[in-house]
Amino acid sequence: MHEMSLCEGVLQVLEDNAKSQDFKQVKTVWLEIGRLSGVEVDAMRFCFDAVMRDTLADHARLEIIEIPGQAWCMQCAKTVQVRQRFDQCPDCASYQLQVTGGDEMRIKELEVE
């Protein structure tokens, strides 16, 4: 379950920022997670609660913003939305797509005290 190590990485970012920006507690974390990132949202929620226990983010609320998958179709030269990797182009049915977005995960915002 790689979501556990992703949450540990989020905690490390929170701790680093707490030192540099002088805050003591994290109340809310907003994560942007792309549909093509391979991150299982339910597993991320479960792991977040487990990893954040007894830390500066104990009892923090996790808000997930899902980012749709995007790809550039080489056949019809359009940017299209895709639901998963290796989908066909919804406009021309080509499989010659290059992913251009929706494969990332990032911390978008924090609410801290």
PDB file of N, CA and C in Angstrom:
ATOM      1  N   MET A   1       0.867  -1.175   0.000  1.00  0.00           N
ATOM      2  CA  MET A   1       0.000   0.000   0.000  1.00  0.00           C
ATOM      3  C   MET A   1       0.908   1.230   0.000  1.00  0.00           C
ATOM      4  N   HIS A   2       1.091   1.844  -1.164  1.00  0.00           N
ATOM      5  CA  HIS A   2       1.989   2.995  -1.243  1.00  0.00           C
ATOM      6  C   HIS A   2       1.362   4.269  -0.689  1.00  0.00           C
ATOM      7  N   GLU A   3       0.084   4.254  -0.401  1.00  0.00           N
ATOM      8  CA  GLU A   3      -0.565   5.412   0.203  1.00  0.00           C
ATOM      9  C   GLU A   3       0.015   5.721   1.580  1.00  0.00           C
ATOM     10  N   MET A   4       0.468   4.685   2.294  1.00  0.00           N
ATOM     11  CA  MET A   4       1.079   4.891   3.605  1.00  0.00           C
ATOM     12  C   MET A   4       2.353   5.712   3.459  1.00  0.00           C
ATOM     13  N   SER A   5       3.203   5.365   2.506  1.00  0.00           N
ATOM     14  CA  SER A   5       4.442   6.134   2.329  1.00  0.00           C
ATOM     15  C   SER A   5       4.142   7.531   1.788  1.00  0.00           C
ATOM     16  N   LEU A   6       3.088   7.690   1.002  1.00  0.00           N
ATOM     17  CA  LEU A   6       2.694   9.026   0.538  1.00  0.00           C
ATOM     18  C   LEU A   6       2.281   9.892   1.726  1.00  0.00           C
ATOM     19  N   CYS A   7       1.527   9.321   2.648  1.00  0.00           N
ATOM     20  CA  CYS A   7       1.113  10.074   3.844  1.00  0.00           C
ATOM     21  C   CYS A   7       2.311  10.410   4.724  1.00  0.00           C
ATOM     22  N   GLU A   8       3.274   9.503   4.810  1.00  0.00           N
ATOM     23  CA  GLU A   8       4.492   9.794   5.566  1.00  0.00           C
ATOM     24  C   GLU A   8       5.246  10.961   4.919  1.00  0.00           C
ATOM     25  N   GLY A   9       5.242  11.020   3.590  1.00  0.00           N
ATOM     26  CA  GLY A   9       5.847  12.146   2.888  1.00  0.00           C
ATOM     27  C   GLY A   9       5.115  13.448   3.156  1.00  0.00           C
ATOM     28  N   VAL A  10       3.793  13.394   3.200  1.00  0.00           N
ATOM     29  CA  VAL A  10       2.987  14.579   3.524  1.00  0.00           C
ATOM     30  C   VAL A  10       3.323  15.050   4.933  1.00  0.00           C
ATOM     31  N   LEU A  11       3.430  14.114   5.878  1.00  0.00           N
ATOM     32  CA  LEU A  11       3.775  14.472   7.252  1.00  0.00           C
ATOM     33  C   LEU A  11       5.142  15.152   7.302  1.00  0.00           C
ATOM     34  N   GLN A  12       6.095  14.653   6.555  1.00  0.00           N
ATOM     35  CA  GLN A  12       7.428  15.261   6.537  1.00  0.00           C
ATOM     36  C   GLN A  12       7.364  16.703   6.028  1.00  0.00           C
ATOM     37  N   VAL A  13       6.569  16.944   4.995  1.00  0.00           N
ATOM     38  CA  VAL A  13       6.388  18.301   4.475  1.00  0.00           C
ATOM     39  C   VAL A  13       5.753  19.193   5.535  1.00  0.00           C
ATOM     40  N   LEU A  14       4.749  18.662   6.232  1.00  0.00           N
ATOM     41  CA  LEU A  14       4.089  19.430   7.291  1.00  0.00           C
ATOM     42  C   LEU A  14       5.076  19.789   8.403  1.00  0.00           C
ATOM     43  N   GLU A  15       5.864  18.830   8.820  1.00  0.00           N
ATOM     44  CA  GLU A  15       6.837  19.083   9.893  1.00  0.00           C
ATOM     45  C   GLU A  15       7.891  20.101   9.461  1.00  0.00           C
ATOM     46  N   ASP A  16       8.377  19.980   8.233  1.00  0.00           N
ATOM     47  CA  ASP A  16       9.367  20.933   7.724  1.00  0.00           C
ATOM     48  C   ASP A  16       8.795  22.345   7.672  1.00  0.00           C
ATOM     49  N   ASN A  17       7.558  22.453   7.205  1.00  0.00           N
ATOM     50  CA  ASN A  17       6.925  23.770   7.117  1.00  0.00           C
ATOM     51  C   ASN A  17       6.572  24.332   8.487  1.00  0.00           C
ATOM     52  N   ALA A  18       6.249  23.470   9.440  1.00  0.00           N
ATOM     53  CA  ALA A  18       5.957  23.933  10.798  1.00  0.00           C
ATOM     54  C   ALA A  18       7.190  24.598  11.402  1.00  0.00           C
ATOM     55  N   LYS A  19       8.360  24.038  11.142  1.00  0.00           N
ATOM     56  CA  LYS A  19       9.605  24.633  11.640  1.00  0.00           C
ATOM     57  C   LYS A  19       9.896  25.963  10.953  1.00  0.00           C
ATOM     58  N   SER A  20       9.781  25.984   9.637  1.00  0.00           N
ATOM     59  CA  SER A  20      10.161  27.198   8.898  1.00  0.00           C
ATOM     60  C   SER A  20       9.123  28.312   9.003  1.00  0.00           C
ATOM     61  N   GLN A  21       7.843  27.953   9.220  1.00  0.00           N
ATOM     62  CA  GLN A  21       6.791  28.967   9.258  1.00  0.00           C
ATOM     63  C   GLN A  21       6.193  29.136  10.657  1.00  0.00           C
ATOM     64  N   ASP A  22       6.739  28.421  11.609  1.00  0.00           N
ATOM     65  CA  ASP A  22       6.392  28.574  13.019  1.00  0.00           C
ATOM     66  C   ASP A  22       4.902  28.387  13.321  1.00  0.00           C
ATOM     67  N   PHE A  23       4.373  27.225  12.954  1.00  0.00           N
ATOM     68  CA  PHE A  23       3.025  26.864  13.405  1.00  0.00           C
ATOM     69  C   PHE A  23       3.111  25.578  14.201  1.00  0.00           C
ATOM     70  N   LYS A  24       2.114  25.364  15.039  1.00  0.00           N
ATOM     71  CA  LYS A  24       2.144  24.247  15.991  1.00  0.00           C
ATOM     72  C   LYS A  24       1.171  23.120  15.674  1.00  0.00           C
ATOM     73  N   GLN A  25       0.099  23.460  14.953  1.00  0.00           N
ATOM     74  CA  GLN A  25      -0.925  22.455  14.705  1.00  0.00           C
ATOM     75  C   GLN A  25      -1.501  22.638  13.310  1.00  0.00           C
ATOM     76  N   VAL A  26      -1.787  21.511  12.668  1.00  0.00           N
ATOM     77  CA  VAL A  26      -2.432  21.505  11.362  1.00  0.00           C
ATOM     78  C   VAL A  26      -3.882  21.101  11.572  1.00  0.00           C
ATOM     79  N   LYS A  27      -4.794  21.929  11.080  1.00  0.00           N
ATOM     80  CA  LYS A  27      -6.221  21.645  11.238  1.00  0.00           C
ATOM     81  C   LYS A  27      -6.820  20.980   9.998  1.00  0.00           C
ATOM     82  N   THR A  28      -6.395  21.431   8.810  1.00  0.00           N
ATOM     83  CA  THR A  28      -6.930  20.889   7.562  1.00  0.00           C
ATOM     84  C   THR A  28      -5.822  20.818   6.521  1.00  0.00           C
ATOM     85  N   VAL A  29      -5.823  19.738   5.759  1.00  0.00           N
ATOM     86  CA  VAL A  29      -4.897  19.567   4.637  1.00  0.00           C
ATOM     87  C   VAL A  29      -5.728  19.342   3.389  1.00  0.00           C
ATOM     88  N   TRP A  30      -5.495  20.151   2.361  1.00  0.00           N
ATOM     89  CA  TRP A  30      -6.133  19.968   1.059  1.00  0.00           C
ATOM     90  C   TRP A  30      -5.112  19.349   0.127  1.00  0.00           C
ATOM     91  N   LEU A  31      -5.424  18.170  -0.390  1.00  0.00           N
ATOM     92  CA  LEU A  31      -4.560  17.488  -1.356  1.00  0.00           C
ATOM     93  C   LEU A  31      -5.239  17.459  -2.712  1.00  0.00           C
ATOM     94  N   GLU A  32      -4.494  17.791  -3.742  1.00  0.00           N
ATOM     95  CA  GLU A  32      -4.960  17.573  -5.104  1.00  0.00           C
ATOM     96  C   GLU A  32      -4.399  16.233  -5.555  1.00  0.00           C
ATOM     97  N   ILE A  33      -5.295  15.355  -5.965  1.00  0.00           N
ATOM     98  CA  ILE A  33      -4.894  14.021  -6.410  1.00  0.00           C
ATOM     99  C   ILE A  33      -5.467  13.788  -7.799  1.00  0.00           C
ATOM    100  N   GLY A  34      -4.589  13.555  -8.740  1.00  0.00           N
ATOM    101  CA  GLY A  34      -5.008  13.308 -10.118  1.00  0.00           C
ATOM    102  C   GLY A  34      -5.611  11.932 -10.282  1.00  0.00           C
ATOM    103  N   ARG A  35      -6.591  11.862 -11.138  1.00  0.00           N
ATOM    104  CA  ARG A  35      -7.282  10.589 -11.399  1.00  0.00           C
ATOM    105  C   ARG A  35      -6.323   9.531 -11.956  1.00  0.00           C
ATOM    106  N   LEU A  36      -5.260   9.981 -12.633  1.00  0.00           N
ATOM    107  CA  LEU A  36      -4.310   9.053 -13.241  1.00  0.00           C
ATOM    108  C   LEU A  36      -3.077   8.825 -12.370  1.00  0.00           C
ATOM    109  N   SER A  37      -3.110   9.292 -11.133  1.00  0.00           N
ATOM    110  CA  SER A  37      -1.933   9.219 -10.261  1.00  0.00           C
ATOM    111  C   SER A  37      -1.675   7.829  -9.685  1.00  0.00           C
ATOM    112  N   GLY A  38      -2.671   6.984  -9.700  1.00  0.00           N
ATOM    113  CA  GLY A  38      -2.523   5.659  -9.102  1.00  0.00           C
ATOM    114  C   GLY A  38      -2.760   5.645  -7.605  1.00  0.00           C
ATOM    115  N   VAL A  39      -3.230   6.776  -7.060  1.00  0.00           N
ATOM    116  CA  VAL A  39      -3.499   6.871  -5.626  1.00  0.00           C
ATOM    117  C   VAL A  39      -4.953   6.476  -5.379  1.00  0.00           C
ATOM    118  N   GLU A  40      -5.153   5.529  -4.493  1.00  0.00           N
ATOM    119  CA  GLU A  40      -6.492   5.098  -4.100  1.00  0.00           C
ATOM    120  C   GLU A  40      -6.973   6.037  -2.998  1.00  0.00           C
ATOM    121  N   VAL A  41      -8.003   6.813  -3.282  1.00  0.00           N
ATOM    122  CA  VAL A  41      -8.463   7.869  -2.377  1.00  0.00           C
ATOM    123  C   VAL A  41      -8.907   7.311  -1.025  1.00  0.00           C
ATOM    124  N   ASP A  42      -9.653   6.222  -1.005  1.00  0.00           N
ATOM    125  CA  ASP A  42     -10.106   5.648   0.273  1.00  0.00           C
ATOM    126  C   ASP A  42      -8.923   5.169   1.119  1.00  0.00           C
ATOM    127  N   ALA A  43      -7.957   4.552   0.463  1.00  0.00           N
ATOM    128  CA  ALA A  43      -6.762   4.102   1.185  1.00  0.00           C
ATOM    129  C   ALA A  43      -5.976   5.304   1.698  1.00  0.00           C
ATOM    130  N   MET A  44      -5.952   6.381   0.933  1.00  0.00           N
ATOM    131  CA  MET A  44      -5.250   7.590   1.356  1.00  0.00           C
ATOM    132  C   MET A  44      -5.891   8.166   2.613  1.00  0.00           C
ATOM    133  N   ARG A  45      -7.201   8.201   2.657  1.00  0.00           N
ATOM    134  CA  ARG A  45      -7.906   8.706   3.845  1.00  0.00           C
ATOM    135  C   ARG A  45      -7.588   7.859   5.081  1.00  0.00           C
ATOM    136  N   PHE A  46      -7.623   6.546   4.908  1.00  0.00           N
ATOM    137  CA  PHE A  46      -7.338   5.633   6.025  1.00  0.00           C
ATOM    138  C   PHE A  46      -5.906   5.829   6.518  1.00  0.00           C
ATOM    139  N   CYS A  47      -4.953   5.855   5.595  1.00  0.00           N
ATOM    140  CA  CYS A  47      -3.545   5.999   5.953  1.00  0.00           C
ATOM    141  C   CYS A  47      -3.255   7.367   6.555  1.00  0.00           C
ATOM    142  N   PHE A  48      -3.926   8.394   6.075  1.00  0.00           N
ATOM    143  CA  PHE A  48      -3.725   9.742   6.600  1.00  0.00           C
ATOM    144  C   PHE A  48      -4.033   9.769   8.093  1.00  0.00           C
ATOM    145  N   ASP A  49      -5.171   9.221   8.462  1.00  0.00           N
ATOM    146  CA  ASP A  49      -5.552   9.204   9.880  1.00  0.00           C
ATOM    147  C   ASP A  49      -4.542   8.422  10.720  1.00  0.00           C
ATOM    148  N   ALA A  50      -4.060   7.304  10.200  1.00  0.00           N
ATOM    149  CA  ALA A  50      -3.108   6.478  10.947  1.00  0.00           C
ATOM    150  C   ALA A  50      -1.753   7.168  11.083  1.00  0.00           C
ATOM    151  N   VAL A  51      -1.255   7.742  10.020  1.00  0.00           N
ATOM    152  CA  VAL A  51       0.070   8.370  10.030  1.00  0.00           C
ATOM    153  C   VAL A  51       0.082   9.651  10.856  1.00  0.00           C
ATOM    154  N   MET A  52      -1.000  10.414  10.818  1.00  0.00           N
ATOM    155  CA  MET A  52      -1.031  11.710  11.499  1.00  0.00           C
ATOM    156  C   MET A  52      -1.289  11.602  13.001  1.00  0.00           C
ATOM    157  N   ARG A  53      -1.660  10.410  13.473  1.00  0.00           N
ATOM    158  CA  ARG A  53      -1.949  10.222  14.899  1.00  0.00           C
ATOM    159  C   ARG A  53      -0.726  10.577  15.743  1.00  0.00           C
ATOM    160  N   ASP A  54      -0.952  11.351  16.800  1.00  0.00           N
ATOM    161  CA  ASP A  54       0.087  11.780  17.743  1.00  0.00           C
ATOM    162  C   ASP A  54       1.172  12.652  17.100  1.00  0.00           C
ATOM    163  N   THR A  55       0.791  13.426  16.089  1.00  0.00           N
ATOM    164  CA  THR A  55       1.705  14.370  15.444  1.00  0.00           C
ATOM    165  C   THR A  55       1.067  15.753  15.472  1.00  0.00           C
ATOM    166  N   LEU A  56       1.715  16.724  14.850  1.00  0.00           N
ATOM    167  CA  LEU A  56       1.144  18.068  14.778  1.00  0.00           C
ATOM    168  C   LEU A  56      -0.131  18.098  13.936  1.00  0.00           C
ATOM    169  N   ALA A  57      -0.420  17.023  13.215  1.00  0.00           N
ATOM    170  CA  ALA A  57      -1.628  16.946  12.391  1.00  0.00           C
ATOM    171  C   ALA A  57      -2.636  15.938  12.943  1.00  0.00           C
ATOM    172  N   ASP A  58      -2.488  15.590  14.224  1.00  0.00           N
ATOM    173  CA  ASP A  58      -3.461  14.688  14.843  1.00  0.00           C
ATOM    174  C   ASP A  58      -4.848  15.329  14.778  1.00  0.00           C
ATOM    175  N   HIS A  59      -5.823  14.601  14.338  1.00  0.00           N
ATOM    176  CA  HIS A  59      -7.213  15.050  14.175  1.00  0.00           C
ATOM    177  C   HIS A  59      -7.386  16.075  13.044  1.00  0.00           C
ATOM    178  N   ALA A  60      -6.381  16.233  12.192  1.00  0.00           N
ATOM    179  CA  ALA A  60      -6.529  17.146  11.049  1.00  0.00           C
ATOM    180  C   ALA A  60      -7.531  16.552  10.068  1.00  0.00           C
ATOM    181  N   ARG A  61      -8.260  17.435   9.415  1.00  0.00           N
ATOM    182  CA  ARG A  61      -9.226  17.026   8.396  1.00  0.00           C
ATOM    183  C   ARG A  61      -8.500  16.946   7.051  1.00  0.00           C
ATOM    184  N   LEU A  62      -8.762  15.906   6.299  1.00  0.00           N
ATOM    185  CA  LEU A  62      -8.184  15.741   4.968  1.00  0.00           C
ATOM    186  C   LEU A  62      -9.254  16.024   3.930  1.00  0.00           C
ATOM    187  N   GLU A  63      -8.999  17.006   3.095  1.00  0.00           N
ATOM    188  CA  GLU A  63      -9.885  17.339   1.977  1.00  0.00           C
ATOM    189  C   GLU A  63      -9.174  16.954   0.691  1.00  0.00           C
ATOM    190  N   ILE A  64      -9.817  16.143  -0.121  1.00  0.00           N
ATOM    191  CA  ILE A  64      -9.207  15.693  -1.373  1.00  0.00           C
ATOM    192  C   ILE A  64      -9.934  16.325  -2.551  1.00  0.00           C
ATOM    193  N   ILE A  65      -9.149  16.937  -3.405  1.00  0.00           N
ATOM    194  CA  ILE A  65      -9.653  17.550  -4.633  1.00  0.00           C
ATOM    195  C   ILE A  65      -9.185  16.654  -5.772  1.00  0.00           C
ATOM    196  N   GLU A  66     -10.129  16.001  -6.448  1.00  0.00           N
ATOM    197  CA  GLU A  66      -9.758  15.122  -7.548  1.00  0.00           C
ATOM    198  C   GLU A  66      -9.566  15.925  -8.823  1.00  0.00           C
ATOM    199  N   ILE A  67      -8.431  15.694  -9.469  1.00  0.00           N
ATOM    200  CA  ILE A  67      -8.086  16.365 -10.718  1.00  0.00           C
ATOM    201  C   ILE A  67      -8.353  15.370 -11.861  1.00  0.00           C
ATOM    202  N   PRO A  68      -9.126  15.775 -12.865  1.00  0.00           N
ATOM    203  CA  PRO A  68      -9.400  14.848 -13.965  1.00  0.00           C
ATOM    204  C   PRO A  68      -8.147  14.558 -14.792  1.00  0.00           C
ATOM    205  N   GLY A  69      -8.143  13.400 -15.423  1.00  0.00           N
ATOM    206  CA  GLY A  69      -7.038  13.048 -16.306  1.00  0.00           C
ATOM    207  C   GLY A  69      -7.160  13.785 -17.626  1.00  0.00           C
ATOM    208  N   GLN A  70      -6.028  14.246 -18.135  1.00  0.00           N
ATOM    209  CA  GLN A  70      -5.998  14.923 -19.431  1.00  0.00           C
ATOM    210  C   GLN A  70      -4.911  14.307 -20.287  1.00  0.00           C
ATOM    211  N   ALA A  71      -5.162  14.296 -21.586  1.00  0.00           N
ATOM    212  CA  ALA A  71      -4.178  13.773 -22.528  1.00  0.00           C
ATOM    213  C   ALA A  71      -4.263  14.553 -23.831  1.00  0.00           C
ATOM    214  N   TRP A  72      -3.142  14.550 -24.539  1.00  0.00           N
ATOM    215  CA  TRP A  72      -3.060  15.163 -25.859  1.00  0.00           C
ATOM    216  C   TRP A  72      -3.205  14.043 -26.878  1.00  0.00           C
ATOM    217  N   CYS A  73      -4.203  14.162 -27.755  1.00  0.00           N
ATOM    218  CA  CYS A  73      -4.416  13.170 -28.808  1.00  0.00           C
ATOM    219  C   CYS A  73      -3.549  13.543 -30.013  1.00  0.00           C
ATOM    220  N   MET A  74      -2.676  12.651 -30.384  1.00  0.00           N
ATOM    221  CA  MET A  74      -1.781  12.903 -31.518  1.00  0.00           C
ATOM    222  C   MET A  74      -2.510  12.809 -32.854  1.00  0.00           C
ATOM    223  N   GLN A  75      -3.616  12.072 -32.887  1.00  0.00           N
ATOM    224  CA  GLN A  75      -4.388  11.924 -34.131  1.00  0.00           C
ATOM    225  C   GLN A  75      -5.188  13.177 -34.450  1.00  0.00           C
ATOM    226  N   CYS A  76      -5.989  13.641 -33.495  1.00  0.00           N
ATOM    227  CA  CYS A  76      -6.884  14.771 -33.777  1.00  0.00           C
ATOM    228  C   CYS A  76      -6.366  16.095 -33.204  1.00  0.00           C
ATOM    229  N   ALA A  77      -5.183  16.061 -32.587  1.00  0.00           N
ATOM    230  CA  ALA A  77      -4.508  17.261 -32.075  1.00  0.00           C
ATOM    231  C   ALA A  77      -5.387  18.054 -31.103  1.00  0.00           C
ATOM    232  N   LYS A  78      -5.996  17.342 -30.157  1.00  0.00           N
ATOM    233  CA  LYS A  78      -6.835  17.981 -29.143  1.00  0.00           C
ATOM    234  C   LYS A  78      -6.423  17.511 -27.755  1.00  0.00           C
ATOM    235  N   THR A  79      -6.664  18.364 -26.777  1.00  0.00           N
ATOM    236  CA  THR A  79      -6.544  17.958 -25.390  1.00  0.00           C
ATOM    237  C   THR A  79      -7.894  17.405 -24.964  1.00  0.00           C
ATOM    238  N   VAL A  80      -7.881  16.186 -24.427  1.00  0.00           N
ATOM    239  CA  VAL A  80      -9.133  15.514 -24.069  1.00  0.00           C
ATOM    240  C   VAL A  80      -9.043  15.002 -22.637  1.00  0.00           C
ATOM    241  N   GLN A  81     -10.197  14.807 -22.021  1.00  0.00           N
ATOM    242  CA  GLN A  81     -10.241  14.200 -20.694  1.00  0.00           C
ATOM    243  C   GLN A  81     -10.291  12.691 -20.839  1.00  0.00           C
ATOM    244  N   VAL A  82      -9.536  12.008 -19.961  1.00  0.00           N
ATOM    245  CA  VAL A  82      -9.538  10.547 -19.941  1.00  0.00           C
ATOM    246  C   VAL A  82      -9.783  10.081 -18.514  1.00  0.00           C
ATOM    247  N   ARG A  83     -10.401   8.928 -18.397  1.00  0.00           N
ATOM    248  CA  ARG A  83     -10.740   8.400 -17.071  1.00  0.00           C
ATOM    249  C   ARG A  83      -9.628   7.506 -16.526  1.00  0.00           C
ATOM    250  N   GLN A  84      -8.857   6.896 -17.425  1.00  0.00           N
ATOM    251  CA  GLN A  84      -7.756   6.034 -17.009  1.00  0.00           C
ATOM    252  C   GLN A  84      -6.716   5.987 -18.117  1.00  0.00           C
ATOM    253  N   ARG A  85      -5.521   5.546 -17.742  1.00  0.00           N
ATOM    254  CA  ARG A  85      -4.462   5.419 -18.740  1.00  0.00           C
ATOM    255  C   ARG A  85      -4.886   4.397 -19.792  1.00  0.00           C
ATOM    256  N   PHE A  86      -4.435   4.592 -20.993  1.00  0.00           N
ATOM    257  CA  PHE A  86      -4.686   3.711 -22.127  1.00  0.00           C
ATOM    258  C   PHE A  86      -6.133   3.755 -22.611  1.00  0.00           C
ATOM    259  N   ASP A  87      -6.885   4.777 -22.178  1.00  0.00           N
ATOM    260  CA  ASP A  87      -8.203   5.012 -22.769  1.00  0.00           C
ATOM    261  C   ASP A  87      -8.011   5.457 -24.214  1.00  0.00           C
ATOM    262  N   GLN A  88      -9.075   5.341 -24.972  1.00  0.00           N
ATOM    263  CA  GLN A  88      -9.026   5.874 -26.330  1.00  0.00           C
ATOM    264  C   GLN A  88      -9.535   7.307 -26.330  1.00  0.00           C
ATOM    265  N   CYS A  89      -9.191   8.040 -27.351  1.00  0.00           N
ATOM    266  CA  CYS A  89      -9.648   9.426 -27.480  1.00  0.00           C
ATOM    267  C   CYS A  89     -11.170   9.431 -27.614  1.00  0.00           C
ATOM    268  N   PRO A  90     -11.851  10.238 -26.795  1.00  0.00           N
ATOM    269  CA  PRO A  90     -13.311  10.278 -26.884  1.00  0.00           C
ATOM    270  C   PRO A  90     -13.812  10.939 -28.176  1.00  0.00           C
ATOM    271  N   ASP A  91     -12.935  11.648 -28.889  1.00  0.00           N
ATOM    272  CA  ASP A  91     -13.341  12.314 -30.125  1.00  0.00           C
ATOM    273  C   ASP A  91     -13.090  11.468 -31.374  1.00  0.00           C
ATOM    274  N   CYS A  92     -11.889  10.859 -31.457  1.00  0.00           N
ATOM    275  CA  CYS A  92     -11.551  10.148 -32.706  1.00  0.00           C
ATOM    276  C   CYS A  92     -11.280   8.658 -32.511  1.00  0.00           C
ATOM    277  N   ALA A  93     -11.325   8.174 -31.275  1.00  0.00           N
ATOM    278  CA  ALA A  93     -11.129   6.765 -30.917  1.00  0.00           C
ATOM    279  C   ALA A  93      -9.687   6.283 -31.081  1.00  0.00           C
ATOM    280  N   SER A  94      -8.754   7.177 -31.268  1.00  0.00           N
ATOM    281  CA  SER A  94      -7.342   6.814 -31.364  1.00  0.00           C
ATOM    282  C   SER A  94      -6.809   6.438 -29.986  1.00  0.00           C
ATOM    283  N   TYR A  95      -5.809   5.583 -29.975  1.00  0.00           N
ATOM    284  CA  TYR A  95      -5.133   5.239 -28.729  1.00  0.00           C
ATOM    285  C   TYR A  95      -3.783   5.948 -28.607  1.00  0.00           C
ATOM    286  N   GLN A  96      -3.515   6.874 -29.501  1.00  0.00           N
ATOM    287  CA  GLN A  96      -2.253   7.616 -29.479  1.00  0.00           C
ATOM    288  C   GLN A  96      -2.413   8.862 -28.605  1.00  0.00           C
ATOM    289  N   LEU A  97      -2.454   8.638 -27.308  1.00  0.00           N
ATOM    290  CA  LEU A  97      -2.639   9.718 -26.344  1.00  0.00           C
ATOM    291  C   LEU A  97      -1.398   9.859 -25.475  1.00  0.00           C
ATOM    292  N   GLN A  98      -1.067  11.104 -25.191  1.00  0.00           N
ATOM    293  CA  GLN A  98       0.030  11.403 -24.281  1.00  0.00           C
ATOM    294  C   GLN A  98      -0.551  12.125 -23.074  1.00  0.00           C
ATOM    295  N   VAL A  99      -0.381  11.546 -21.885  1.00  0.00           N
ATOM    296  CA  VAL A  99      -0.923  12.133 -20.660  1.00  0.00           C
ATOM    297  C   VAL A  99      -0.268  13.493 -20.421  1.00  0.00           C
ATOM    298  N   THR A 100      -1.111  14.510 -20.166  1.00  0.00           N
ATOM    299  CA  THR A 100      -0.607  15.861 -19.905  1.00  0.00           C
ATOM    300  C   THR A 100      -1.043  16.393 -18.543  1.00  0.00           C
ATOM    301  N   GLY A 101      -1.915  15.708 -17.846  1.00  0.00           N
ATOM    302  CA  GLY A 101      -2.359  16.170 -16.537  1.00  0.00           C
ATOM    303  C   GLY A 101      -3.188  15.123 -15.839  1.00  0.00           C
ATOM    304  N   GLY A 102      -3.322  15.301 -14.529  1.00  0.00           N
ATOM    305  CA  GLY A 102      -4.119  14.375 -13.743  1.00  0.00           C
ATOM    306  C   GLY A 102      -3.326  13.206 -13.207  1.00  0.00           C
ATOM    307  N   ASP A 103      -1.975  13.261 -13.339  1.00  0.00           N
ATOM    308  CA  ASP A 103      -1.148  12.178 -12.820  1.00  0.00           C
ATOM    309  C   ASP A 103      -0.331  12.624 -11.604  1.00  0.00           C
ATOM    310  N   GLU A 104      -0.696  13.778 -11.037  1.00  0.00           N
ATOM    311  CA  GLU A 104       0.068  14.349  -9.938  1.00  0.00           C
ATOM    312  C   GLU A 104      -0.683  14.260  -8.610  1.00  0.00           C
ATOM    313  N   MET A 105       0.077  14.468  -7.545  1.00  0.00           N
ATOM    314  CA  MET A 105      -0.493  14.638  -6.213  1.00  0.00           C
ATOM    315  C   MET A 105       0.303  15.745  -5.547  1.00  0.00           C
ATOM    316  N   ARG A 106      -0.397  16.716  -4.967  1.00  0.00           N
ATOM    317  CA  ARG A 106       0.312  17.804  -4.296  1.00  0.00           C
ATOM    318  C   ARG A 106      -0.528  18.370  -3.166  1.00  0.00           C
ATOM    319  N   ILE A 107       0.172  18.964  -2.214  1.00  0.00           N
ATOM    320  CA  ILE A 107      -0.508  19.679  -1.137  1.00  0.00           C
ATOM    321  C   ILE A 107      -0.903  21.032  -1.687  1.00  0.00           C
ATOM    322  N   LYS A 108      -2.183  21.296  -1.729  1.00  0.00           N
ATOM    323  CA  LYS A 108      -2.668  22.550  -2.284  1.00  0.00           C
ATOM    324  C   LYS A 108      -2.727  23.642  -1.225  1.00  0.00           C
ATOM    325  N   GLU A 109      -3.202  23.290  -0.026  1.00  0.00           N
ATOM    326  CA  GLU A 109      -3.430  24.296   0.994  1.00  0.00           C
ATOM    327  C   GLU A 109      -3.408  23.656   2.378  1.00  0.00           C
ATOM    328  N   LEU A 110      -3.082  24.467   3.374  1.00  0.00           N
ATOM    329  CA  LEU A 110      -3.106  24.037   4.767  1.00  0.00           C
ATOM    330  C   LEU A 110      -3.846  25.064   5.600  1.00  0.00           C
ATOM    331  N   GLU A 111      -4.562  24.574   6.598  1.00  0.00           N
ATOM    332  CA  GLU A 111      -5.108  25.440   7.638  1.00  0.00           C
ATOM    333  C   GLU A 111      -4.355  25.078   8.918  1.00  0.00           C
ATOM    334  N   VAL A 112      -3.683  26.074   9.495  1.00  0.00           N
ATOM    335  CA  VAL A 112      -2.815  25.811  10.637  1.00  0.00           C
ATOM    336  C   VAL A 112      -3.096  26.784  11.764  1.00  0.00           C
ATOM    337  N   GLU A 113      -2.576  26.465  12.945  1.00  0.00           N
ATOM    338  CA  GLU A 113      -2.634  27.352  14.107  1.00  0.00           C
ATOM    339  C   GLU A 113      -1.230  27.590  14.620  1.00  0.00           C
TER     340      GLU A 113
END
